[in-house]
Protein backbone atom coordinates (compact mmCIF):
# COMPACT_ATOMS: atom_id res chain seq x y z
CA UNK A 1 18.27 -7.20 -6.30
CA UNK A 2 14.90 -7.47 -7.80
CA UNK A 3 14.52 -3.93 -9.68
CA UNK A 4 17.91 -2.32 -9.18
CA UNK A 5 17.33 0.22 -11.66
CA UNK A 6 14.32 1.45 -9.36
CA UNK A 7 16.05 0.52 -5.76
CA UNK A 8 18.80 2.82 -6.81
CA UNK A 9 16.46 5.91 -6.87
CA UNK A 10 15.26 5.66 -3.22
CA UNK A 11 17.21 7.26 -0.76
CA UNK A 12 18.33 5.91 2.55
CA UNK A 13 18.07 8.24 5.37
CA UNK A 14 19.93 6.81 8.52
CA UNK A 15 18.64 6.94 12.04
CA UNK A 16 15.46 8.72 11.07
CA UNK A 17 13.27 8.98 12.85
CA UNK A 18 15.20 7.36 15.60
CA UNK A 19 18.32 5.59 15.94
CA UNK A 20 18.85 2.57 14.26
CA UNK A 21 16.01 2.98 11.73
CA UNK A 22 17.19 2.85 7.84
CA UNK A 23 14.57 5.25 6.38
CA UNK A 24 13.99 4.05 2.82
CA UNK A 25 12.57 7.58 1.18
CA UNK A 26 10.36 7.03 -1.59
CA UNK A 27 10.27 10.80 -2.38
CA UNK A 28 13.40 10.31 -4.68
CA UNK A 29 11.67 8.10 -6.78
CA UNK A 30 8.69 10.03 -7.11
CA UNK A 31 10.92 12.78 -8.40
CA UNK A 32 12.19 11.12 -10.78
CA UNK A 33 9.62 10.73 -13.85
CA UNK A 34 10.54 7.70 -15.67
CA UNK A 35 11.53 6.33 -12.47
CA UNK A 36 8.29 6.59 -11.03
CA UNK A 37 6.28 5.47 -14.55
CA UNK A 38 8.50 2.51 -14.41
CA UNK A 39 7.51 1.56 -11.26
CA UNK A 40 3.81 1.85 -12.14
CA UNK A 41 4.55 -0.45 -15.36
CA UNK A 42 5.94 -3.19 -13.27
CA UNK A 43 3.63 -3.14 -10.80
CA UNK A 44 0.84 -3.29 -13.34
CA UNK A 45 2.83 -5.82 -15.29
CA UNK A 46 2.33 -8.07 -11.64
CA UNK A 47 -1.64 -7.56 -11.59
CA UNK A 48 -3.27 -10.71 -13.10
CA UNK A 49 -6.38 -9.25 -13.91
CA UNK A 50 -7.45 -6.03 -13.56
CA UNK A 51 -9.59 -5.12 -10.18
CA UNK A 52 -12.96 -3.19 -9.86
CA UNK A 53 -11.18 -0.91 -7.48
CA UNK A 54 -7.68 -0.12 -6.17
CA UNK A 55 -7.53 0.78 -2.52
CA UNK A 56 -4.80 3.47 -1.67
CA UNK A 57 -3.49 3.93 1.83
CA UNK A 58 -3.16 7.42 2.88
CA UNK A 59 -0.92 9.14 1.78
CA UNK A 60 1.79 7.62 -0.50
CA UNK A 61 -0.61 4.89 -1.32
CA UNK A 62 -2.54 7.43 -3.05
CA UNK A 63 0.05 8.49 -5.14
CA UNK A 64 0.96 4.73 -6.31
CA UNK A 65 -2.74 3.76 -6.29
CA UNK A 66 -4.10 6.56 -8.48
CA UNK A 67 -1.06 5.90 -11.06
CA UNK A 68 -1.92 2.32 -10.82
CA UNK A 69 -5.80 2.70 -11.36
CA UNK A 70 -5.19 5.00 -14.27
CA UNK A 71 -3.02 2.59 -15.98
CA UNK A 72 -5.34 -0.34 -15.16
CA UNK A 73 -8.19 1.63 -16.20
CA UNK A 74 -10.32 1.09 -12.62
CA UNK A 75 -11.36 3.35 -9.79
CA UNK A 76 -9.29 4.49 -6.91
CA UNK A 77 -10.81 4.11 -3.51
CA UNK A 78 -8.97 6.28 -0.42
CA UNK A 79 -8.49 4.77 2.63
CA UNK A 80 -7.90 7.78 5.06
CA UNK A 81 -6.87 9.00 8.40
CA UNK A 82 -9.85 9.38 11.07
CA UNK A 83 -11.95 12.42 10.44
CA UNK A 84 -10.60 13.19 6.93
CA UNK A 85 -13.42 11.86 4.78
CA UNK A 86 -16.73 13.90 4.52
CA UNK A 87 -20.13 12.28 4.67
CA UNK A 88 -21.02 8.37 6.08
CA UNK A 89 -17.62 6.63 6.67
CA UNK A 90 -16.55 3.50 7.85
CA UNK A 91 -13.65 2.57 9.66
CA UNK A 92 -11.30 -0.01 11.76
CA UNK A 93 -8.99 0.75 14.90
CA UNK A 94 -5.45 -0.91 14.67
CA UNK A 95 -2.52 -1.25 16.30
CA UNK A 96 1.09 0.20 15.55
CA UNK A 97 4.50 -0.34 17.02
CA UNK A 98 4.27 2.85 18.69
CA UNK A 99 0.39 3.28 19.62
CA UNK A 100 -3.08 3.06 17.89
CA UNK A 101 -4.41 4.45 14.96
CA UNK A 102 -7.98 4.19 12.44
CA UNK A 103 -8.22 4.46 8.95
CA UNK A 104 -11.67 5.01 7.36
CA UNK A 105 -13.19 4.87 4.08
CA UNK A 106 -16.43 6.10 2.54
CA UNK A 107 -19.59 3.67 3.54
CA UNK A 108 -20.93 3.29 0.02
CA UNK A 109 -17.34 3.38 -1.50
CA UNK A 110 -17.43 -0.32 -2.22
CA UNK A 111 -19.89 -2.91 -3.07
CA UNK A 112 -20.08 -6.79 -2.03
CA UNK A 113 -18.35 -9.17 -4.12
CA UNK A 114 -16.41 -6.12 -5.86
CA UNK A 115 -12.72 -7.19 -6.32
CA UNK A 116 -9.99 -4.73 -4.98
CA UNK A 117 -6.43 -4.28 -4.85
CA UNK A 118 -4.55 -2.73 -1.53
CA UNK A 119 -1.74 -0.51 -2.88
CA UNK A 120 0.72 1.25 -0.40
CA UNK A 121 4.22 2.80 -1.09
CA UNK A 122 5.54 0.68 1.48
CA UNK A 123 4.73 -2.63 3.79
CA UNK A 124 6.66 -3.14 6.76
CA UNK A 125 5.01 -4.74 10.03
CA UNK A 126 1.87 -4.82 8.01
CA UNK A 127 -0.39 -3.66 10.31
CA UNK A 128 -2.05 -0.61 8.15
CA UNK A 129 -1.98 -3.12 5.30
CA UNK A 130 -3.73 -5.42 7.32
CA UNK A 131 -6.30 -3.01 8.69
CA UNK A 132 -6.97 -2.01 5.21
CA UNK A 133 -7.91 -5.64 4.08
CA UNK A 134 -10.25 -6.00 7.31
CA UNK A 135 -12.11 -2.63 6.59
CA UNK A 136 -12.43 -3.55 2.70
CA UNK A 137 -13.49 -7.26 3.42
CA UNK A 138 -16.00 -5.67 6.38
CA UNK A 139 -18.05 -4.05 3.58
CA UNK A 140 -17.97 -7.01 1.61
CA UNK A 141 -15.19 -6.72 -0.75
CA UNK A 142 -12.86 -9.39 -2.25
CA UNK A 143 -9.04 -8.75 -1.54
CA UNK A 144 -6.83 -11.23 -2.59
CA UNK A 145 -3.69 -8.97 -3.69
CA UNK A 146 -2.23 -6.30 -2.33
CA UNK A 147 0.78 -4.17 -4.19
CA UNK A 148 3.66 -2.08 -2.74
CA UNK A 149 6.87 -0.39 -4.08
CA UNK A 150 8.85 -1.47 -1.14
CA UNK A 151 9.01 -4.39 1.34
CA UNK A 152 10.96 -4.29 4.44
CA UNK A 153 10.91 -8.39 4.95
CA UNK A 154 12.61 -8.21 8.52
CA UNK A 155 9.52 -6.67 9.54
CA UNK A 156 7.57 -9.55 8.24
CA UNK A 157 4.30 -7.25 7.22
CA UNK A 158 4.28 -9.63 4.05
CA UNK A 159 3.91 -12.98 6.20
CA UNK A 160 0.99 -11.29 8.25
CA UNK A 161 -0.82 -9.92 4.83
CA UNK A 162 -0.07 -13.63 3.43
CA UNK A 163 -1.49 -15.46 6.49
CA UNK A 164 -4.69 -13.65 5.79
CA UNK A 165 -5.35 -15.14 2.40
CA UNK A 166 -3.60 -12.01 0.63
CA UNK A 167 -0.97 -12.51 -2.03
CA UNK A 168 1.53 -9.72 -1.84
CA UNK A 169 4.02 -8.32 -4.51
CA UNK A 170 6.80 -5.97 -3.84
CA UNK A 171 8.87 -4.32 -6.78
CA UNK A 172 12.16 -4.17 -4.42
CA UNK A 173 12.87 -5.17 -1.20
CA UNK A 174 15.39 -3.87 1.54
CA UNK A 175 16.69 -5.71 4.43
CA UNK A 176 16.74 -4.23 7.94
CA UNK A 177 15.02 -1.97 9.62
């Protein structure tokens, strides 16, 4: 497995949040200082040229996004759940496998033409990442790349994001749900 040393730091919790799901718990990687630092270095190495901004998706995407923004010397833009940001916001509603959700950003957070790298801890079905891409593009951002610590390839999120013109990188992949 690619980045097997980092994958070994991910705890799997069976039957959470419901029977049949193998939950990939990133918190055990975050608890390991050298492992977390190494994951940021490896994510940074996969970025061809630094973007203007990194958009971190709430909440664990903030952790990876902020560390990666620091490493690459760019700003961090927060994509938050509804009603979490003060001031004027713009947002997008999107479907989840179990309902609907909304993410928002400050209306003035990105300028037309800025390059933005989308970052989150995990890509599963791709719904949140696709919503983030659409939200950023609606503000005029160029979103050509998304980076994740974990990919769950059986759920198809990577394919959905790639169909929308976004290259996807992930440090590691875990088969199954």
